[in-house]
Protein backbone atom coordinates (compact mmCIF):
# COMPACT_ATOMS: atom_id res chain seq x y z
CA MET A 1 79.63 40.91 73.08
CA ASN A 2 80.63 37.90 75.26
CA GLN A 3 82.59 35.21 73.43
CA THR A 4 79.85 32.51 73.58
CA LEU A 5 77.19 34.78 71.89
CA ALA A 6 79.65 36.12 69.30
CA ALA A 7 80.76 32.56 68.40
CA SER A 8 77.13 31.45 68.04
CA LEU A 9 76.23 34.43 65.75
CA LEU A 10 79.40 33.93 63.64
CA ASP A 11 78.46 30.19 63.23
CA ARG A 12 74.86 31.09 62.15
CA ILE A 13 76.05 33.56 59.59
CA ASN A 14 78.55 31.16 58.25
CA ARG A 15 75.94 28.28 58.02
CA ALA A 16 73.57 30.64 56.05
CA PHE A 17 76.23 31.82 53.70
CA ARG A 18 77.43 28.14 53.09
CA ASP A 19 73.85 26.98 52.31
CA VAL A 20 73.56 29.72 49.72
CA ALA A 21 76.82 29.01 48.12
CA GLU A 22 76.27 25.17 48.05
CA THR A 23 72.69 25.64 46.68
CA ALA A 24 74.25 27.41 43.70
CA ARG A 25 77.04 24.88 43.47
CA THR A 26 79.79 27.55 43.33
CA LEU A 27 82.10 26.42 46.16
CA ARG A 28 85.45 25.95 44.63
CA GLY A 29 87.39 24.85 47.67
CA VAL A 30 89.53 27.95 47.60
CA SER A 31 91.08 28.57 50.92
CA TYR A 32 92.88 31.62 52.48
CA ARG A 33 95.30 31.92 55.27
CA GLU A 34 93.57 33.75 58.19
CA ASP A 35 96.04 36.62 58.13
CA LEU A 36 95.60 37.00 54.29
CA PRO A 37 99.29 37.35 53.31
CA ASP A 38 100.36 38.88 49.96
CA GLY A 39 100.27 35.46 48.31
CA ASP A 40 96.49 35.16 48.84
CA ILE A 41 95.63 38.83 47.92
CA GLU A 42 95.71 38.26 44.12
CA ARG A 43 93.41 35.15 44.22
CA LEU A 44 91.02 37.21 46.61
CA GLN A 45 91.01 40.02 44.10
CA GLN A 46 90.01 37.66 41.20
CA GLN A 47 87.13 36.39 43.46
CA ILE A 48 85.97 39.91 44.17
CA ASP A 49 86.12 40.81 40.53
CA GLY A 50 83.77 37.94 39.79
CA CYS A 51 81.31 39.43 42.36
CA VAL A 52 81.52 43.02 41.21
CA GLU A 53 81.08 42.09 37.52
CA ALA A 54 78.01 39.92 38.52
CA ARG A 55 78.92 37.34 35.97
CA GLY A 56 76.29 34.44 35.57
CA GLY A 57 73.17 36.09 36.71
CA GLU A 58 71.62 37.09 40.04
CA VAL A 59 71.68 33.56 41.64
CA THR A 60 75.25 33.06 40.96
CA SER A 61 76.17 36.59 42.04
CA ARG A 62 74.47 35.87 45.42
CA ALA A 63 76.33 32.62 45.79
CA ARG A 64 79.68 34.34 45.09
CA ALA A 65 78.81 36.98 47.59
CA ALA A 66 78.08 34.36 50.17
CA GLU A 67 81.42 32.70 49.35
CA LEU A 68 83.10 36.02 49.87
CA GLY A 69 81.42 36.42 53.17
CA GLN A 70 82.57 33.09 54.39
CA VAL A 71 86.17 34.13 53.40
CA TYR A 72 85.93 37.37 55.44
CA LEU A 73 84.49 35.60 58.48
CA ALA A 74 87.29 33.00 58.54
CA LEU A 75 90.06 35.74 58.64
CA ASN A 76 91.63 36.96 61.78
CA ALA A 77 91.78 40.80 62.70
CA GLN A 78 94.86 41.34 60.43
CA GLY A 79 93.25 39.35 57.60
CA ARG A 80 90.00 41.37 57.84
CA LYS A 81 91.97 44.63 57.83
CA ARG A 82 93.82 43.58 54.61
CA PHE A 83 90.53 42.52 53.04
CA LEU A 84 88.81 45.83 53.81
CA ARG A 85 92.04 47.76 52.68
CA LEU A 86 91.77 45.94 49.41
CA LEU A 87 88.15 47.03 48.89
CA ILE A 88 89.20 50.62 49.56
CA GLU A 89 92.26 50.77 47.46
CA ARG A 90 91.06 48.78 44.29
CA TYR A 91 87.30 48.98 44.46
CA GLY A 92 86.79 52.68 45.66
CA ILE A 93 85.28 55.51 43.71
CA ASP A 94 87.09 56.00 40.27
CA ARG A 95 88.01 59.58 40.84
CA ALA A 96 88.99 60.25 37.13
CA ARG A 97 85.72 58.93 35.94
CA LEU A 98 83.88 61.23 38.47
CA ALA A 99 85.91 64.27 37.40
CA ASN A 100 84.95 63.58 33.85
CA ALA A 101 81.28 63.30 34.75
CA ILE A 102 81.35 66.61 36.71
CA GLU A 103 82.99 68.41 33.63
CA THR A 104 80.33 66.91 31.31
CA TRP A 105 77.64 68.19 33.64
CA ARG A 106 79.17 71.58 33.76
CA GLY A 107 79.39 71.73 30.04
CA ALA A 108 75.77 70.51 29.44
CA ALA A 109 73.83 73.00 27.22
CA GLU A 110 70.33 71.47 27.31
CA ALA A 111 68.17 69.90 30.01
CA LYS A 112 68.33 66.41 28.49
CA ASP A 113 72.09 66.56 28.40
CA GLU A 114 72.20 67.83 32.01
CA GLY A 115 69.96 64.89 33.03
CA ARG A 116 72.21 62.34 31.49
CA ALA A 117 75.24 63.98 32.97
CA LEU A 118 73.54 63.89 36.45
CA ALA A 119 72.97 60.15 36.01
CA ALA A 120 76.51 59.61 35.03
CA MET A 121 77.72 61.45 38.12
CA ARG A 122 75.44 59.34 40.39
CA ASN A 123 76.74 56.14 38.81
CA ALA A 124 80.40 57.44 39.20
CA LEU A 125 79.69 58.11 42.92
CA GLU A 126 78.70 54.44 43.49
CA SER A 127 81.94 52.57 44.04
CA PRO A 128 82.40 48.88 43.12
CA ALA A 129 82.93 48.14 46.74
CA MET A 130 79.49 49.36 47.60
CA ARG A 131 77.92 47.55 44.75
CA LEU A 132 79.45 44.45 46.13
CA LEU A 133 78.39 44.99 49.63
CA ALA A 134 74.76 45.78 48.61
CA GLN A 135 74.65 42.19 47.30
CA PHE A 136 74.83 40.96 50.96
CA THR A 137 71.39 42.53 51.74
CA ALA A 138 69.74 39.79 49.69
CA LEU A 139 71.39 36.92 51.61
CA PRO A 140 70.14 35.25 54.83
CA GLN A 141 72.05 36.88 57.75
CA GLY A 142 73.48 39.27 55.22
CA VAL A 143 72.17 42.42 56.79
CA LYS A 144 73.73 41.39 60.19
CA PHE A 145 77.00 40.63 58.42
CA LEU A 146 77.03 44.24 57.01
CA VAL A 147 76.29 45.73 60.24
CA ASP A 148 79.25 43.87 61.97
CA LEU A 149 81.48 44.61 59.05
CA ARG A 150 80.77 48.38 59.50
CA ALA A 151 81.59 47.89 63.18
CA ASN A 152 85.07 46.55 62.02
CA LEU A 153 85.50 49.57 59.76
CA LEU A 154 84.80 52.08 62.60
CA ASP A 155 87.40 50.32 64.59
CA LEU A 156 90.01 51.08 61.95
CA VAL A 157 89.16 54.67 61.29
CA ALA A 158 92.05 55.99 63.58
CA GLU A 159 94.52 54.11 61.42
CA ASP A 160 93.29 55.43 58.03
CA ALA A 161 90.54 57.92 57.23
CA ARG A 162 89.65 56.00 54.08
CA PHE A 163 88.12 53.24 56.39
CA GLY A 164 85.83 55.97 57.57
CA GLU A 165 84.87 56.88 54.05
CA LEU A 166 83.73 53.33 53.37
CA ALA A 167 82.00 53.17 56.75
CA GLU A 168 79.99 56.36 55.83
CA ASP A 169 79.01 54.90 52.45
CA LEU A 170 77.90 51.75 54.26
CA ARG A 171 76.02 53.90 56.84
CA ARG A 172 73.96 55.38 54.11
CA LEU A 173 73.02 51.90 52.79
CA LEU A 174 72.10 50.73 56.10
CA ALA A 175 70.17 53.90 56.95
CA GLY A 176 67.65 53.03 54.23
CA TRP A 177 67.27 49.42 55.51
CA PHE A 178 66.89 50.44 59.06
CA ASP A 179 64.32 53.26 58.54
CA VAL A 180 62.02 53.25 61.63
CA GLY A 181 59.09 52.25 59.37
CA PHE A 182 60.74 48.90 58.83
CA LEU A 183 61.42 48.25 62.62
CA ASN A 184 59.15 46.17 65.04
CA LEU A 185 58.64 47.26 68.54
CA GLU A 186 58.62 44.38 70.94
CA ARG A 187 58.37 44.13 74.67
CA ILE A 188 60.89 41.76 76.46
CA THR A 189 59.79 39.87 79.49
CA TRP A 190 61.27 37.34 81.82
CA ARG A 191 59.47 34.67 79.62
CA SER A 192 61.40 35.79 76.54
CA PRO A 193 63.99 33.33 75.01
CA ALA A 194 67.09 32.90 77.27
CA VAL A 195 69.30 33.89 74.38
CA LEU A 196 67.60 37.25 74.14
CA LEU A 197 67.89 37.74 77.93
CA GLU A 198 71.64 37.03 77.63
CA LYS A 199 71.87 39.71 74.99
CA LEU A 200 70.20 42.22 77.37
CA VAL A 201 72.82 41.41 79.96
CA ASP A 202 75.59 41.71 77.32
CA TYR A 203 74.31 44.99 75.65
CA GLU A 204 73.38 46.91 78.67
CA ALA A 205 75.57 50.01 78.50
CA VAL A 206 74.24 52.36 81.15
CA HIS A 207 73.76 50.39 84.35
CA GLU A 208 75.41 47.00 84.40
CA ILE A 209 73.15 44.05 85.15
CA ARG A 210 74.99 42.21 87.80
CA SER A 211 73.05 38.94 88.09
CA TRP A 212 70.04 36.96 86.86
CA ARG A 213 68.23 38.25 89.95
CA ASP A 214 69.02 41.76 88.95
CA LEU A 215 67.73 41.07 85.45
CA LYS A 216 64.48 39.42 86.73
CA ASN A 217 63.87 42.48 88.96
CA ARG A 218 64.24 44.83 85.96
CA LEU A 219 61.66 42.64 84.11
CA ASP A 220 59.17 42.50 87.04
CA SER A 221 55.44 43.49 86.79
CA ASP A 222 56.26 47.12 87.58
CA ARG A 223 59.03 47.35 84.96
CA ARG A 224 58.86 47.37 81.18
CA CYS A 225 61.64 46.72 78.61
CA PHE A 226 60.90 47.37 74.91
CA ALA A 227 63.35 46.86 72.05
CA PHE A 228 63.38 47.69 68.26
CA PHE A 229 63.98 44.62 65.95
CA HIS A 230 64.61 44.44 62.25
CA PRO A 231 62.81 41.73 60.30
CA ARG A 232 66.05 40.60 58.75
CA MET A 233 67.71 40.48 62.28
CA PRO A 234 64.77 39.03 64.26
CA ASP A 235 67.07 37.70 67.04
CA GLU A 236 69.25 40.83 67.48
CA PRO A 237 67.74 43.80 69.37
CA LEU A 238 68.86 47.16 67.75
CA ILE A 239 68.24 49.32 70.81
CA PHE A 240 66.34 48.75 73.99
CA VAL A 241 64.98 50.94 76.77
CA GLU A 242 64.29 49.94 80.41
CA VAL A 243 61.42 51.60 82.25
CA ALA A 244 60.22 51.77 85.88
CA LEU A 245 56.66 52.37 86.76
CA VAL A 246 56.61 54.32 90.08
CA ASP A 247 54.98 57.16 91.97
CA GLY A 248 56.59 60.44 91.36
CA THR A 249 59.83 61.33 89.63
CA ALA A 250 62.77 59.02 90.69
CA ALA A 251 65.97 60.74 91.99
CA SER A 252 68.26 57.83 92.73
CA ILE A 253 69.23 54.86 90.46
CA GLN A 254 70.29 52.80 93.41
CA ALA A 255 66.80 52.94 95.00
CA LEU A 256 65.21 52.38 91.61
CA LEU A 257 67.13 49.21 91.00
CA ASP A 258 67.01 47.87 94.60
CA ASP A 259 65.66 44.33 94.21
CA LYS A 260 64.63 44.31 97.86
CA GLN A 261 62.05 47.09 97.36
CA PRO A 262 58.42 45.79 97.21
CA THR A 263 56.88 45.47 93.82
CA HIS A 264 54.72 48.46 92.84
CA ASP A 265 51.17 47.98 91.32
CA PRO A 266 51.63 49.35 87.77
CA ARG A 267 47.97 50.30 87.67
CA THR A 268 48.36 52.89 90.37
CA ALA A 269 51.79 54.24 89.30
CA ASP A 270 51.76 57.76 87.95
CA ALA A 271 55.20 57.94 86.40
CA ALA A 272 57.09 56.18 83.85
CA ILE A 273 60.92 56.54 84.38
CA PHE A 274 63.18 55.67 81.44
CA TYR A 275 66.40 54.82 83.17
CA SER A 276 68.51 53.05 80.64
CA ILE A 277 68.67 53.27 76.82
CA SER A 278 71.31 51.02 75.20
CA ASN A 279 72.29 50.80 71.47
CA CYS A 280 73.10 47.22 70.80
CA GLN A 281 74.86 47.32 67.29
CA LYS A 282 78.15 49.24 66.91
CA GLY A 283 77.79 48.97 63.23
CA LEU A 284 74.63 51.08 63.18
CA ALA A 285 76.42 54.10 64.89
CA GLY A 286 74.91 57.30 63.19
CA VAL A 287 71.67 55.48 62.19
CA SER A 288 69.37 57.21 64.61
CA PHE A 289 66.21 55.57 65.90
CA GLY A 290 66.49 56.16 69.67
CA ASN A 291 64.17 59.20 69.63
CA PHE A 292 61.50 57.07 67.95
CA LEU A 293 61.93 54.28 70.48
CA ILE A 294 61.17 56.69 73.52
CA LYS A 295 58.12 58.23 71.82
CA ARG A 296 56.70 54.82 70.68
CA VAL A 297 57.21 53.42 74.23
CA ALA A 298 55.58 56.42 75.78
CA ASP A 299 52.59 56.00 73.39
CA GLU A 300 52.33 52.16 74.28
CA LEU A 301 52.54 52.82 78.00
CA ALA A 302 49.95 55.64 77.86
CA ARG A 303 47.49 53.25 76.14
CA GLU A 304 48.19 50.44 78.57
CA LEU A 305 48.22 52.52 81.78
CA PRO A 306 46.19 55.68 81.40
CA ASN A 307 46.93 56.59 84.98
CA LEU A 308 50.52 57.57 83.96
CA LYS A 309 50.95 61.39 84.15
CA THR A 310 54.73 61.71 83.95
CA PHE A 311 57.10 60.46 81.38
CA ALA A 312 60.72 61.18 82.39
CA THR A 313 64.18 59.80 82.42
CA LEU A 314 66.77 59.18 85.21
CA SER A 315 69.91 59.94 83.20
CA PRO A 316 73.64 60.01 83.79
CA VAL A 317 75.69 63.03 83.06
CA PRO A 318 78.69 61.40 81.53
CA GLY A 319 80.66 64.58 80.55
CA PHE A 320 80.12 66.68 83.64
CA ARG A 321 83.35 65.65 85.77
CA ALA A 322 85.59 65.92 82.67
CA TRP A 323 84.22 69.41 82.02
CA LEU A 324 84.56 70.53 85.50
CA ASP A 325 88.10 69.23 85.93
CA ARG A 326 88.97 71.23 82.72
CA GLU A 327 87.36 74.35 84.10
CA ILE A 328 89.21 73.98 87.40
CA ALA A 329 92.59 73.35 85.71
CA ALA A 330 91.98 76.59 83.62
CA ASP A 331 91.36 78.34 87.00
CA ARG A 332 88.31 80.10 85.54
CA PRO A 333 87.50 83.11 87.75
CA ASP A 334 83.82 83.01 86.87
CA LEU A 335 83.46 79.15 87.72
CA LEU A 336 82.30 80.00 91.27
CA THR A 337 79.70 82.69 91.79
CA ALA A 338 79.75 84.98 94.87
CA SER A 339 77.05 82.72 96.36
CA ASP A 340 79.09 79.67 95.81
CA ARG A 341 82.16 81.34 97.53
CA GLU A 342 79.97 82.28 100.60
CA THR A 343 78.63 78.72 100.77
CA LEU A 344 82.16 77.22 100.83
CA SER A 345 83.88 79.97 102.81
CA SER A 346 83.42 78.15 106.12
CA LEU A 347 84.96 75.05 104.79
CA ILE A 348 88.04 76.49 103.05
CA GLU A 349 90.91 78.29 104.77
CA GLY A 350 91.98 81.30 102.84
CA GLU A 351 90.73 82.39 99.44
CA VAL A 352 87.87 80.29 97.88
CA THR A 353 89.28 79.40 94.43
CA PRO A 354 88.27 76.63 91.88
CA LYS A 355 91.42 74.68 92.95
CA ALA A 356 90.50 74.98 96.64
CA PHE A 357 87.02 73.65 95.82
CA ALA A 358 88.54 70.84 93.98
CA ARG A 359 90.46 69.80 97.14
CA LEU A 360 87.21 69.45 98.95
CA LEU A 361 86.01 67.00 96.20
CA GLU A 362 89.25 65.01 96.57
CA ARG A 363 88.36 64.39 100.23
CA LYS A 364 87.26 60.68 100.55
CA ASP A 365 85.00 61.52 103.54
CA TRP A 366 83.01 64.39 101.99
CA ARG A 367 79.75 62.43 101.66
CA ASP A 368 79.89 61.55 105.37
CA VAL A 369 80.40 65.14 106.68
CA PRO A 370 76.86 66.77 106.72
CA ALA A 371 78.05 70.40 106.45
CA LEU A 372 80.46 69.56 103.66
CA ARG A 373 77.99 67.33 101.78
CA GLU A 374 75.34 70.09 101.85
CA ALA A 375 77.67 72.83 100.72
CA LEU A 376 78.91 70.61 97.77
CA LYS A 377 75.30 69.75 96.94
CA THR A 378 74.47 73.42 96.42
CA VAL A 379 77.56 74.15 94.42
CA LEU A 380 77.68 71.12 92.32
CA THR A 381 73.95 71.15 91.35
CA ARG A 382 74.41 74.78 90.24
CA LEU A 383 77.50 73.95 88.24
CA CYS A 384 75.74 71.00 86.59
CA ALA A 385 72.80 73.25 85.64
CA ARG A 386 75.23 75.66 83.96
CA TYR A 387 77.00 72.73 82.18
CA LEU A 388 73.63 71.41 80.80
CA VAL A 389 71.99 74.77 79.94
CA LYS A 390 74.78 77.05 78.97
CA GLU A 391 77.83 75.15 77.85
CA LYS A 392 77.41 74.50 74.16
CA GLU A 393 79.40 73.58 71.12
CA ARG A 394 78.12 74.90 67.77
CA GLY A 395 74.72 75.71 69.44
CA ARG A 396 74.31 72.25 70.95
CA ALA A 397 74.64 70.90 74.49
CA ILE A 398 78.22 69.38 75.05
CA ASP A 399 76.86 66.59 77.23
CA PRO A 400 76.01 63.67 74.81
CA VAL A 401 73.04 62.43 76.85
CA ALA A 402 71.68 65.96 77.19
CA ARG A 403 72.02 66.33 73.28
CA PHE A 404 70.07 63.22 72.74
CA HIS A 405 67.09 64.03 74.94
CA LEU A 406 66.90 67.80 74.28
CA ALA A 407 66.96 67.04 70.50
CA ASN A 408 64.08 64.60 71.05
CA GLY A 409 61.97 67.27 72.67
CA ALA A 410 62.50 66.69 76.34
CA ARG A 411 63.20 69.40 78.94
CA ILE A 412 65.58 69.41 81.79
CA GLU A 413 63.38 68.84 84.81
CA ARG A 414 65.68 68.27 87.86
CA ILE A 415 69.20 67.67 88.77
CA ASN A 416 69.54 64.97 91.44
CA PHE A 417 72.49 65.06 93.93
CA LEU A 418 74.01 61.69 94.55
CA GLY A 419 71.51 60.04 92.20
CA ASP A 420 74.20 57.55 91.14
CA THR A 421 76.69 56.51 93.80
CA SER A 422 78.29 53.72 91.84
CA ARG A 423 81.94 54.03 91.05
CA LYS A 424 81.01 54.82 87.47
CA GLY A 425 78.48 57.39 88.50
CA MET A 426 80.91 59.05 90.96
CA ARG A 427 83.79 59.04 88.34
CA GLN A 428 81.63 60.50 85.45
CA ALA A 429 79.43 63.02 87.33
CA ILE A 430 80.29 63.07 90.97
CA GLY A 431 77.11 61.15 91.55
CA LEU A 432 74.81 63.67 89.92
CA MET A 433 71.87 62.42 87.66
CA VAL A 434 69.25 64.27 85.58
CA ASN A 435 65.52 63.93 85.01
CA TYR A 436 64.52 64.87 81.43
CA ARG A 437 60.78 65.13 81.12
CA TYR A 438 58.81 64.29 78.06
CA LYS A 439 55.54 66.25 78.10
CA LEU A 440 53.91 64.69 75.06
CA ASP A 441 52.11 67.85 74.12
CA GLU A 442 55.30 69.98 74.32
CA VAL A 443 57.84 67.63 72.55
CA GLU A 444 57.58 69.31 69.22
CA ALA A 445 57.88 72.81 70.59
CA ASN A 446 60.79 71.83 72.78
CA HIS A 447 62.50 70.23 69.76
CA GLU A 448 62.18 73.39 67.76
CA ALA A 449 63.50 75.55 70.46
CA TYR A 450 66.68 73.22 70.76
CA SER A 451 67.12 73.29 67.05
CA GLU A 452 67.29 77.16 67.40
CA GLY A 453 69.97 76.81 70.10
CA ARG A 454 67.72 77.28 73.15
CA VAL A 455 67.66 74.67 76.00
CA VAL A 456 64.27 74.21 77.63
CA ALA A 457 64.56 73.64 81.49
CA HIS A 458 62.33 73.72 84.33
CA PRO A 459 62.40 77.26 85.85
CA SER A 460 64.29 76.08 88.92
CA VAL A 461 67.01 74.51 86.74
CA ALA A 462 67.12 77.62 84.55
CA LYS A 463 67.57 79.75 87.73
CA GLN A 464 70.37 77.63 88.98
CA ALA A 465 72.12 77.83 85.64
CA LYS A 466 72.04 81.67 85.76
CA GLY A 467 73.88 81.56 89.12
């Protein structure tokens, strides 16, 4: 997030917490140095103890939580890490208490004893840290505070796995709050508040929004943008999707986003192309609602524009180049088929090997040489089909975008050569893009097939994957 928006949000949360604390008259003027050195830890621990023990009733507890939130927000990165480490080390699960509860449950002779023992286990599994963090859900801006705090935890997991344990506990808490039934689907237009439009620019994760003109083009009359919002975070999109209303299934993102193209009449368009889906809140990683967003938007568009017959994506293939490079480095003899070798034979002196093929890709002019471009198109689209359809890990597609859409019930419709010629598109996938099609009456069957380890693809793509 850019610094101006981040500072504005931080100030808003701080003001909300200060108002709650002042209303309850609990501010004590206790200050902490921003890096939270050892001398401040003991005082902070006493303050946390007061929150965890919930002394003085619910109103006072909320005020104490608000004070604690202000303390956390005022710390620098080192101070926040020390704050979170204190939560983990002193306010985590009491493992001895949990072990005793498990032993009691194992020794329960009657149903009533087993019920009490199960309740004791559940209580033992709820750490004081989570009881403390749950208090923030009742505060103004408290839900956003917890989302951002979890983002901080995820940044620290590589340093200490215990940060990941607390992040997972917090994910479970947030998953209940962010159930799709609580979310509002809203359309974003050029007339939406400027601060929201700035967030679209900031959060766009697939195709960078280069200017206000670019953004205006993406919100034109033949475009749609929808986002999920939570009632407790009304100014913060959780995830948004950008859609183009066109004729036919789009094959090139550069053509789709060209602001010099004439505006299409959405009433005559027959296809809705979902070309960008961006998650906006890092702290909600692992809380899934993207699949609901696509289906809700497809339903909305079908009602608004009954002429739409095709609902499909124009999606990146972010893992393709890395996979191909690994296969080439391993000199896999089955990477190139006999047909591939024949296609490339006139362009390579000597034996056609994976590494000789790689040298063709390293040529800076390959897109400008017709014979070379056509040969690489044939081989690359086949390899991409294999990558998407056949290459799996634990029964799931290895490409993250493919996993998302296939699990949602889409099928692989088409592979588009040079669909994204941007620097990022060439780096990630040698310019390839994929159309995943959502046939609304086949989504459930496709989802079931994928859950059983089968990738549903258009016959032409399936044939390419077989080689």
